[in-house]
Amino acid sequence: MDIGKLLGDVLGSGNANTSGGGGGMLGKIAQSAQSAGVSSQGASNATKGIGNMLGNGVGGGLVGGAISGGLMSAVLGSKKGRKMGGKVLAYGGTALVAGLAYKAWRDYRNNQPPSDHSQDADLANVPVDSGFAPDHEPDANQMDFRLSLVRAMIAAAKSDGHIDQTEHARISEQIAALQLGPEEKAFLFDAFSADADPIEIAKLAKTEEQSAELYLVSNLVIDPDDPAEMQYLERLSDGLRLSNDLRQHLDFQVQNARHHNAT
C-alpha cells in the first residue's frame, strides 16, 4: 500500500492551518513559546516543524487532513462537541496526538499530577524511540500505526450511529472518485464501512503507548455531551486496559485542547 499517497493526496495536507503561524493551534503554540521567553525565530521554528508534519502526508497530515477533508466531514456530522474536537485535530494533526499522549504518559509514569501541555511549543519534538512516533511504530498486526489512528478516529466519530444509508452512499462516491489505487481505496472503504467497535479498535494497540494514542485521538473526535459516544469511549478504555490514572492524564490533555481551541 502506498501510505504516503493515501495520507497526502487523499486525506489532504492541512496546509491551510500552517501558514502565518498566527491562527489556530499552531499560532497559539507560537504565542505560548514567545510568552515563555522563546525567541520569535524559535517559536516560528516550532510551528514550522508541526506545519511540515501536517503538510508532508507522512506525519500530521494523517489526522489533520482526514478531519479537514470531505470524507471526514460526513462522518463528523454537525454536533458541536464532535466538530470542536475535529477542529483541534485539524490544527495539530498527528503531532498533537503523539505529543499530548507522550507528555500525558510521561507525567503519569513520573507520578506527576496532570499538567496542561496543549499549548506547549515542542509537541512535534517527540523522541523517535519513545514509543510515541506513529510513523516508526507498527501496530499489533504489524501494520502502519498511522492507519490505526485513522481507523480509531473514524470509529469514534461514528459511535453514535448517526451515519445513515444516504451518508454511506455519499462517502462511497467520494472514495470511488479519489485518484487512488485499489489497495488504498479498499482501506478507506473498509474503514468507513466497519462497525464502530471499540474492542476491535483496542486490538490494534501493540503497546501501552499506542493504547494511549488510540484513546486520545478517539476522545478528541467524540462529542463529550453524547451518552452513546461516552459509552463507546468507556468501552474503548476498558479494551485498551488503561489505568484510571493514565486515563485521567489523557482526559486532562483533551479537555484543555478543546478549551484552548474554543477560546
C-alpha atoms as a PDB file:
ATOM      1  CA  MET A   1       0.000   0.000   0.000  1.00  0.00           C
ATOM      2  CA  ASP A   2       1.260   3.486  -0.881  1.00  0.00           C
ATOM      3  CA  ILE A   3       0.696   5.072   2.525  1.00  0.00           C
ATOM      4  CA  GLY A   4       2.337   8.339   1.527  1.00  0.00           C
ATOM      5  CA  LYS A   5      -0.147   8.702  -1.330  1.00  0.00           C
ATOM      6  CA  LEU A   6      -3.043   7.725   0.908  1.00  0.00           C
ATOM      7  CA  LEU A   7      -2.142  10.148   3.687  1.00  0.00           C
ATOM      8  CA  GLY A   8      -1.011  13.012   1.492  1.00  0.00           C
ATOM      9  CA  ASP A   9      -3.094  13.099  -1.664  1.00  0.00           C
ATOM     10  CA  VAL A  10      -6.255  11.509  -0.294  1.00  0.00           C
ATOM     11  CA  LEU A  11      -6.664  12.822   3.219  1.00  0.00           C
ATOM     12  CA  GLY A  12      -5.156  16.224   2.457  1.00  0.00           C
ATOM     13  CA  SER A  13      -2.191  18.238   3.631  1.00  0.00           C
ATOM     14  CA  GLY A  14      -3.717  20.608   6.143  1.00  0.00           C
ATOM     15  CA  ASN A  15      -1.582  23.419   4.752  1.00  0.00           C
ATOM     16  CA  ALA A  16      -4.348  25.932   5.331  1.00  0.00           C
ATOM     17  CA  ASN A  17      -3.686  25.582   9.026  1.00  0.00           C
ATOM     18  CA  THR A  18       0.072  26.028   8.879  1.00  0.00           C
ATOM     19  CA  SER A  19       0.583  29.357   7.169  1.00  0.00           C
ATOM     20  CA  GLY A  20       1.441  32.503   9.068  1.00  0.00           C
ATOM     21  CA  GLY A  21       1.661  30.917  12.493  1.00  0.00           C
ATOM     22  CA  GLY A  22      -0.998  33.315  13.786  1.00  0.00           C
ATOM     23  CA  GLY A  23      -4.165  31.241  13.807  1.00  0.00           C
ATOM     24  CA  GLY A  24      -5.471  28.100  15.414  1.00  0.00           C
ATOM     25  CA  MET A  25      -3.410  25.673  17.481  1.00  0.00           C
ATOM     26  CA  LEU A  26      -0.151  26.453  15.669  1.00  0.00           C
ATOM     27  CA  GLY A  27      -0.441  30.162  16.326  1.00  0.00           C
ATOM     28  CA  LYS A  28      -1.232  29.522  19.971  1.00  0.00           C
ATOM     29  CA  ILE A  29       1.809  27.267  20.275  1.00  0.00           C
ATOM     30  CA  ALA A  30       3.960  30.072  18.896  1.00  0.00           C
ATOM     31  CA  GLN A  31       2.401  32.630  21.231  1.00  0.00           C
ATOM     32  CA  SER A  32       2.902  30.312  24.181  1.00  0.00           C
ATOM     33  CA  ALA A  33       6.527  29.803  23.271  1.00  0.00           C
ATOM     34  CA  GLN A  34       7.173  33.528  22.986  1.00  0.00           C
ATOM     35  CA  SER A  35       5.484  34.266  26.316  1.00  0.00           C
ATOM     36  CA  ALA A  36       7.762  31.657  27.895  1.00  0.00           C
ATOM     37  CA  GLY A  37      10.822  33.528  26.667  1.00  0.00           C
ATOM     38  CA  VAL A  38      11.440  31.670  23.404  1.00  0.00           C
ATOM     39  CA  SER A  39      12.614  33.937  20.598  1.00  0.00           C
ATOM     40  CA  SER A  40      10.312  34.746  17.698  1.00  0.00           C
ATOM     41  CA  GLN A  41      12.552  32.668  15.451  1.00  0.00           C
ATOM     42  CA  GLY A  42      12.392  29.751  17.873  1.00  0.00           C
ATOM     43  CA  ALA A  43       8.619  29.951  18.065  1.00  0.00           C
ATOM     44  CA  SER A  44       8.438  30.139  14.287  1.00  0.00           C
ATOM     45  CA  ASN A  45      10.610  27.036  14.026  1.00  0.00           C
ATOM     46  CA  ALA A  46       8.311  25.188  16.428  1.00  0.00           C
ATOM     47  CA  THR A  47       5.212  25.922  14.370  1.00  0.00           C
ATOM     48  CA  LYS A  48       7.088  25.249  11.133  1.00  0.00           C
ATOM     49  CA  GLY A  49       8.051  21.818  12.417  1.00  0.00           C
ATOM     50  CA  ILE A  50       4.445  20.924  13.131  1.00  0.00           C
ATOM     51  CA  GLY A  51       3.368  22.537   9.875  1.00  0.00           C
ATOM     52  CA  ASN A  52       5.766  20.325   7.949  1.00  0.00           C
ATOM     53  CA  MET A  53       4.383  17.272   9.690  1.00  0.00           C
ATOM     54  CA  LEU A  54       0.892  18.341   8.701  1.00  0.00           C
ATOM     55  CA  GLY A  55       1.825  19.019   5.121  1.00  0.00           C
ATOM     56  CA  ASN A  56       4.069  16.133   4.113  1.00  0.00           C
ATOM     57  CA  GLY A  57       1.426  13.418   4.074  1.00  0.00           C
ATOM     58  CA  VAL A  58       3.541  11.265   6.368  1.00  0.00           C
ATOM     59  CA  GLY A  59       3.047  12.733   9.830  1.00  0.00           C
ATOM     60  CA  GLY A  60       0.256  15.041  10.894  1.00  0.00           C
ATOM     61  CA  GLY A  61      -1.470  15.002   7.506  1.00  0.00           C
ATOM     62  CA  LEU A  62      -2.787  11.619   8.543  1.00  0.00           C
ATOM     63  CA  VAL A  63      -5.184  13.109  11.035  1.00  0.00           C
ATOM     64  CA  GLY A  64      -5.237  16.785  10.156  1.00  0.00           C
ATOM     65  CA  GLY A  65      -6.013  16.162   6.516  1.00  0.00           C
ATOM     66  CA  ALA A  66      -8.565  13.495   7.267  1.00  0.00           C
ATOM     67  CA  ILE A  67     -10.524  15.805   9.535  1.00  0.00           C
ATOM     68  CA  SER A  68     -10.468  18.719   7.107  1.00  0.00           C
ATOM     69  CA  GLY A  69     -11.272  16.592   4.060  1.00  0.00           C
ATOM     70  CA  GLY A  70     -14.681  15.824   2.586  1.00  0.00           C
ATOM     71  CA  LEU A  71     -14.691  12.215   3.756  1.00  0.00           C
ATOM     72  CA  MET A  72     -14.427  13.066   7.449  1.00  0.00           C
ATOM     73  CA  SER A  73     -16.908  15.928   7.254  1.00  0.00           C
ATOM     74  CA  ALA A  74     -19.675  13.410   6.611  1.00  0.00           C
ATOM     75  CA  VAL A  75     -18.521  11.228   9.478  1.00  0.00           C
ATOM     76  CA  LEU A  76     -18.137  14.021  11.993  1.00  0.00           C
ATOM     77  CA  GLY A  77     -21.632  15.329  11.353  1.00  0.00           C
ATOM     78  CA  SER A  78     -22.865  18.586  12.849  1.00  0.00           C
ATOM     79  CA  LYS A  79     -22.592  18.092  16.609  1.00  0.00           C
ATOM     80  CA  LYS A  80     -20.711  20.968  18.225  1.00  0.00           C
ATOM     81  CA  GLY A  81     -18.615  18.841  20.581  1.00  0.00           C
ATOM     82  CA  ARG A  82     -17.500  16.409  17.886  1.00  0.00           C
ATOM     83  CA  LYS A  83     -16.720  19.154  15.384  1.00  0.00           C
ATOM     84  CA  MET A  84     -14.722  21.061  18.004  1.00  0.00           C
ATOM     85  CA  GLY A  85     -12.531  18.019  18.580  1.00  0.00           C
ATOM     86  CA  GLY A  86     -12.147  17.644  14.831  1.00  0.00           C
ATOM     87  CA  LYS A  87     -11.050  21.268  14.611  1.00  0.00           C
ATOM     88  CA  VAL A  88      -8.372  20.653  17.234  1.00  0.00           C
ATOM     89  CA  LEU A  89      -7.058  17.707  15.226  1.00  0.00           C
ATOM     90  CA  ALA A  90      -7.110  19.709  12.010  1.00  0.00           C
ATOM     91  CA  TYR A  91      -4.883  22.306  13.636  1.00  0.00           C
ATOM     92  CA  GLY A  92      -2.499  19.861  15.268  1.00  0.00           C
ATOM     93  CA  GLY A  93      -2.694  16.574  13.399  1.00  0.00           C
ATOM     94  CA  THR A  94      -0.600  13.621  14.452  1.00  0.00           C
ATOM     95  CA  ALA A  95       1.921  15.996  16.024  1.00  0.00           C
ATOM     96  CA  LEU A  96      -0.774  16.966  18.517  1.00  0.00           C
ATOM     97  CA  VAL A  97      -1.931  13.396  19.164  1.00  0.00           C
ATOM     98  CA  ALA A  98       1.553  11.974  19.655  1.00  0.00           C
ATOM     99  CA  GLY A  99       2.838  14.975  21.590  1.00  0.00           C
ATOM    100  CA  LEU A 100      -0.073  15.190  24.014  1.00  0.00           C
ATOM    101  CA  ALA A 101      -0.209  11.428  24.560  1.00  0.00           C
ATOM    102  CA  TYR A 102       3.551  11.323  25.152  1.00  0.00           C
ATOM    103  CA  LYS A 103       3.501  14.128  27.694  1.00  0.00           C
ATOM    104  CA  ALA A 104       0.448  12.739  29.497  1.00  0.00           C
ATOM    105  CA  TRP A 105       2.098   9.318  29.660  1.00  0.00           C
ATOM    106  CA  ARG A 106       5.404  10.841  30.857  1.00  0.00           C
ATOM    107  CA  ASP A 107       3.670  12.759  33.672  1.00  0.00           C
ATOM    108  CA  TYR A 108       1.789   9.616  34.629  1.00  0.00           C
ATOM    109  CA  ARG A 109       4.913   7.443  34.703  1.00  0.00           C
ATOM    110  CA  ASN A 110       6.768  10.075  36.761  1.00  0.00           C
ATOM    111  CA  ASN A 111       3.901  10.248  39.272  1.00  0.00           C
ATOM    112  CA  GLN A 112       3.295  13.888  38.394  1.00  0.00           C
ATOM    113  CA  PRO A 113      -0.171  15.466  38.565  1.00  0.00           C
ATOM    114  CA  PRO A 114      -1.866  16.231  35.230  1.00  0.00           C
ATOM    115  CA  SER A 115      -0.475  19.374  33.634  1.00  0.00           C
ATOM    116  CA  ASP A 116      -1.824  21.231  30.611  1.00  0.00           C
ATOM    117  CA  HIS A 117       0.512  20.579  27.677  1.00  0.00           C
ATOM    118  CA  SER A 118      -1.897  21.594  24.912  1.00  0.00           C
ATOM    119  CA  GLN A 119      -0.041  24.865  24.311  1.00  0.00           C
ATOM    120  CA  ASP A 120       3.500  23.519  24.593  1.00  0.00           C
ATOM    121  CA  ALA A 121       5.764  24.680  21.768  1.00  0.00           C
ATOM    122  CA  ASP A 122       7.587  21.354  21.445  1.00  0.00           C
ATOM    123  CA  LEU A 123       4.681  18.978  20.793  1.00  0.00           C
ATOM    124  CA  ALA A 124       6.225  17.942  17.477  1.00  0.00           C
ATOM    125  CA  ASN A 125       9.520  17.007  19.127  1.00  0.00           C
ATOM    126  CA  VAL A 126       8.588  13.563  20.423  1.00  0.00           C
ATOM    127  CA  PRO A 127      11.639  11.291  20.747  1.00  0.00           C
ATOM    128  CA  VAL A 128      11.674   8.706  17.972  1.00  0.00           C
ATOM    129  CA  ASP A 129      12.428   5.931  20.465  1.00  0.00           C
ATOM    130  CA  SER A 130       9.709   6.995  22.917  1.00  0.00           C
ATOM    131  CA  GLY A 131       7.018   4.705  21.533  1.00  0.00           C
ATOM    132  CA  PHE A 132       5.030   7.807  20.515  1.00  0.00           C
ATOM    133  CA  ALA A 133       6.262   8.206  16.936  1.00  0.00           C
ATOM    134  CA  PRO A 134       3.392   6.743  14.828  1.00  0.00           C
ATOM    135  CA  ASP A 135       5.399   6.685  11.608  1.00  0.00           C
ATOM    136  CA  HIS A 136       8.032   4.486  13.275  1.00  0.00           C
ATOM    137  CA  GLU A 137       5.810   2.087  15.239  1.00  0.00           C
ATOM    138  CA  PRO A 138       3.823  -0.799  13.680  1.00  0.00           C
ATOM    139  CA  ASP A 139       0.546  -1.742  15.311  1.00  0.00           C
ATOM    140  CA  ALA A 140      -0.380  -5.120  16.814  1.00  0.00           C
ATOM    141  CA  ASN A 141      -0.926  -6.511  13.299  1.00  0.00           C
ATOM    142  CA  GLN A 142       2.459  -5.194  12.089  1.00  0.00           C
ATOM    143  CA  MET A 143       0.680  -2.573  10.000  1.00  0.00           C
ATOM    144  CA  ASP A 144       1.491   1.136   9.867  1.00  0.00           C
ATOM    145  CA  PHE A 145       0.168   2.606  13.124  1.00  0.00           C
ATOM    146  CA  ARG A 146      -0.864   5.828  11.402  1.00  0.00           C
ATOM    147  CA  LEU A 147      -3.594   3.852   9.673  1.00  0.00           C
ATOM    148  CA  SER A 148      -4.716   2.536  13.051  1.00  0.00           C
ATOM    149  CA  LEU A 149      -5.148   6.111  14.239  1.00  0.00           C
ATOM    150  CA  VAL A 150      -7.333   6.826  11.212  1.00  0.00           C
ATOM    151  CA  ARG A 151      -9.450   3.749  11.959  1.00  0.00           C
ATOM    152  CA  ALA A 152      -9.821   4.804  15.595  1.00  0.00           C
ATOM    153  CA  MET A 153     -10.824   8.313  14.634  1.00  0.00           C
ATOM    154  CA  ILE A 154     -13.450   7.155  12.156  1.00  0.00           C
ATOM    155  CA  ALA A 155     -14.908   4.569  14.530  1.00  0.00           C
ATOM    156  CA  ALA A 156     -15.188   7.091  17.358  1.00  0.00           C
ATOM    157  CA  ALA A 157     -16.895   9.642  15.120  1.00  0.00           C
ATOM    158  CA  LYS A 158     -19.434   7.013  14.034  1.00  0.00           C
ATOM    159  CA  SER A 159     -20.064   5.652  17.515  1.00  0.00           C
ATOM    160  CA  ASP A 160     -23.497   7.236  17.995  1.00  0.00           C
ATOM    161  CA  GLY A 161     -24.784   5.646  14.779  1.00  0.00           C
ATOM    162  CA  HIS A 162     -25.576   8.924  13.040  1.00  0.00           C
ATOM    163  CA  ILE A 163     -24.333   7.745   9.635  1.00  0.00           C
ATOM    164  CA  ASP A 164     -27.395   6.710   7.635  1.00  0.00           C
ATOM    165  CA  GLN A 165     -27.602   4.949   4.268  1.00  0.00           C
ATOM    166  CA  THR A 166     -27.603   8.214   2.332  1.00  0.00           C
ATOM    167  CA  GLU A 167     -24.422   9.387   4.025  1.00  0.00           C
ATOM    168  CA  HIS A 168     -22.819   5.972   3.487  1.00  0.00           C
ATOM    169  CA  ALA A 169     -23.586   6.264  -0.219  1.00  0.00           C
ATOM    170  CA  ARG A 170     -22.087   9.764  -0.379  1.00  0.00           C
ATOM    171  CA  ILE A 171     -18.910   8.610   1.354  1.00  0.00           C
ATOM    172  CA  SER A 172     -18.598   5.675  -1.038  1.00  0.00           C
ATOM    173  CA  GLU A 173     -18.935   8.008  -4.012  1.00  0.00           C
ATOM    174  CA  GLN A 174     -16.228  10.278  -2.632  1.00  0.00           C
ATOM    175  CA  ILE A 175     -13.841   7.367  -2.126  1.00  0.00           C
ATOM    176  CA  ALA A 176     -14.522   6.000  -5.614  1.00  0.00           C
ATOM    177  CA  ALA A 177     -13.715   9.396  -7.149  1.00  0.00           C
ATOM    178  CA  LEU A 178     -10.294   9.653  -5.486  1.00  0.00           C
ATOM    179  CA  GLN A 179      -7.165   9.179  -7.575  1.00  0.00           C
ATOM    180  CA  LEU A 180      -6.009   6.110  -5.647  1.00  0.00           C
ATOM    181  CA  GLY A 181      -5.033   2.554  -6.346  1.00  0.00           C
ATOM    182  CA  PRO A 182      -7.321  -0.357  -5.452  1.00  0.00           C
ATOM    183  CA  GLU A 183      -5.464  -1.175  -2.231  1.00  0.00           C
ATOM    184  CA  GLU A 184      -5.752   2.343  -0.866  1.00  0.00           C
ATOM    185  CA  LYS A 185      -9.413   2.585  -1.802  1.00  0.00           C
ATOM    186  CA  ALA A 186     -10.075  -0.790  -0.203  1.00  0.00           C
ATOM    187  CA  PHE A 187      -8.615   0.503   3.063  1.00  0.00           C
ATOM    188  CA  LEU A 188     -10.887   3.544   3.016  1.00  0.00           C
ATOM    189  CA  PHE A 189     -13.989   1.550   2.088  1.00  0.00           C
ATOM    190  CA  ASP A 190     -13.236  -0.846   4.923  1.00  0.00           C
ATOM    191  CA  ALA A 191     -12.562   1.888   7.486  1.00  0.00           C
ATOM    192  CA  PHE A 192     -15.709   3.847   6.709  1.00  0.00           C
ATOM    193  CA  SER A 193     -17.938   0.767   6.378  1.00  0.00           C
ATOM    194  CA  ALA A 194     -16.803  -1.065   9.514  1.00  0.00           C
ATOM    195  CA  ASP A 195     -18.909  -1.032  12.649  1.00  0.00           C
ATOM    196  CA  ALA A 196     -17.813   1.308  15.418  1.00  0.00           C
ATOM    197  CA  ASP A 197     -16.469  -1.493  17.601  1.00  0.00           C
ATOM    198  CA  PRO A 198     -14.222  -0.232  20.432  1.00  0.00           C
ATOM    199  CA  ILE A 199     -12.945  -3.739  21.199  1.00  0.00           C
ATOM    200  CA  GLU A 200     -11.684  -4.179  17.640  1.00  0.00           C
ATOM    201  CA  ILE A 201     -10.027  -0.776  17.794  1.00  0.00           C
ATOM    202  CA  ALA A 202      -8.392  -1.695  21.104  1.00  0.00           C
ATOM    203  CA  LYS A 203      -6.872  -4.792  19.469  1.00  0.00           C
ATOM    204  CA  LEU A 204      -4.842  -2.539  17.185  1.00  0.00           C
ATOM    205  CA  ALA A 205      -2.614  -1.397  20.060  1.00  0.00           C
ATOM    206  CA  LYS A 206       0.677  -3.218  20.446  1.00  0.00           C
ATOM    207  CA  THR A 207       1.974  -1.227  23.415  1.00  0.00           C
ATOM    208  CA  GLU A 208       0.761   0.922  26.286  1.00  0.00           C
ATOM    209  CA  GLU A 209       1.993   3.941  24.364  1.00  0.00           C
ATOM    210  CA  GLN A 210      -0.145   3.056  21.349  1.00  0.00           C
ATOM    211  CA  SER A 211      -3.112   2.467  23.643  1.00  0.00           C
ATOM    212  CA  ALA A 212      -2.700   5.997  24.950  1.00  0.00           C
ATOM    213  CA  GLU A 213      -2.630   7.432  21.421  1.00  0.00           C
ATOM    214  CA  LEU A 214      -5.684   5.468  20.273  1.00  0.00           C
ATOM    215  CA  TYR A 215      -7.617   6.606  23.326  1.00  0.00           C
ATOM    216  CA  LEU A 216      -6.582  10.246  22.979  1.00  0.00           C
ATOM    217  CA  VAL A 217      -7.443  10.536  19.283  1.00  0.00           C
ATOM    218  CA  SER A 218     -10.809   8.838  19.913  1.00  0.00           C
ATOM    219  CA  ASN A 219     -11.517  11.162  22.826  1.00  0.00           C
ATOM    220  CA  LEU A 220     -10.799  14.205  20.671  1.00  0.00           C
ATOM    221  CA  VAL A 221     -13.261  13.076  17.989  1.00  0.00           C
ATOM    222  CA  ILE A 222     -16.269  12.153  20.118  1.00  0.00           C
ATOM    223  CA  ASP A 223     -18.943  14.533  21.348  1.00  0.00           C
ATOM    224  CA  PRO A 224     -18.404  14.577  25.153  1.00  0.00           C
ATOM    225  CA  ASP A 225     -22.053  15.503  25.694  1.00  0.00           C
ATOM    226  CA  ASP A 226     -23.371  12.434  23.887  1.00  0.00           C
ATOM    227  CA  PRO A 227     -24.014   9.451  26.231  1.00  0.00           C
ATOM    228  CA  ALA A 228     -23.603   6.900  23.424  1.00  0.00           C
ATOM    229  CA  GLU A 229     -20.230   8.282  22.445  1.00  0.00           C
ATOM    230  CA  MET A 230     -19.046   8.469  26.047  1.00  0.00           C
ATOM    231  CA  GLN A 231     -20.098   4.837  26.489  1.00  0.00           C
ATOM    232  CA  TYR A 232     -18.027   3.981  23.421  1.00  0.00           C
ATOM    233  CA  LEU A 233     -15.044   5.727  24.992  1.00  0.00           C
ATOM    234  CA  GLU A 234     -15.527   3.820  28.246  1.00  0.00           C
ATOM    235  CA  ARG A 235     -15.572   0.506  26.408  1.00  0.00           C
ATOM    236  CA  LEU A 236     -12.500   1.515  24.418  1.00  0.00           C
ATOM    237  CA  SER A 237     -10.654   2.384  27.613  1.00  0.00           C
ATOM    238  CA  ASP A 238     -11.562  -0.994  29.092  1.00  0.00           C
ATOM    239  CA  GLY A 239     -10.429  -2.782  25.935  1.00  0.00           C
ATOM    240  CA  LEU A 240      -7.140  -0.903  25.951  1.00  0.00           C
ATOM    241  CA  ARG A 241      -6.693  -1.753  29.644  1.00  0.00           C
ATOM    242  CA  LEU A 242      -5.783   1.789  30.528  1.00  0.00           C
ATOM    243  CA  SER A 243      -5.233   2.502  34.201  1.00  0.00           C
ATOM    244  CA  ASN A 244      -7.525   5.100  35.747  1.00  0.00           C
ATOM    245  CA  ASP A 245      -4.555   7.341  36.466  1.00  0.00           C
ATOM    246  CA  LEU A 246      -3.288   7.282  32.881  1.00  0.00           C
ATOM    247  CA  ARG A 247      -6.768   7.891  31.548  1.00  0.00           C
ATOM    248  CA  GLN A 248      -7.143  10.926  33.819  1.00  0.00           C
ATOM    249  CA  HIS A 249      -3.924  12.359  32.413  1.00  0.00           C
ATOM    250  CA  LEU A 250      -5.103  11.776  28.831  1.00  0.00           C
ATOM    251  CA  ASP A 251      -8.562  13.201  29.522  1.00  0.00           C
ATOM    252  CA  PHE A 252      -6.954  16.298  31.011  1.00  0.00           C
ATOM    253  CA  GLN A 253      -4.995  16.944  27.815  1.00  0.00           C
ATOM    254  CA  VAL A 254      -8.095  16.537  25.632  1.00  0.00           C
ATOM    255  CA  GLN A 255     -10.188  18.851  27.803  1.00  0.00           C
ATOM    256  CA  ASN A 256      -7.553  21.559  27.662  1.00  0.00           C
ATOM    257  CA  ALA A 257      -7.002  21.190  23.923  1.00  0.00           C
ATOM    258  CA  ARG A 258     -10.732  21.650  23.376  1.00  0.00           C
ATOM    259  CA  HIS A 259     -10.856  24.603  25.762  1.00  0.00           C
ATOM    260  CA  HIS A 260      -7.962  26.468  24.203  1.00  0.00           C
ATOM    261  CA  ASN A 261      -9.295  25.863  20.706  1.00  0.00           C
ATOM    262  CA  ALA A 262     -12.712  27.263  21.655  1.00  0.00           C
ATOM    263  CA  THR A 263     -11.335  30.481  23.122  1.00  0.00           C
END
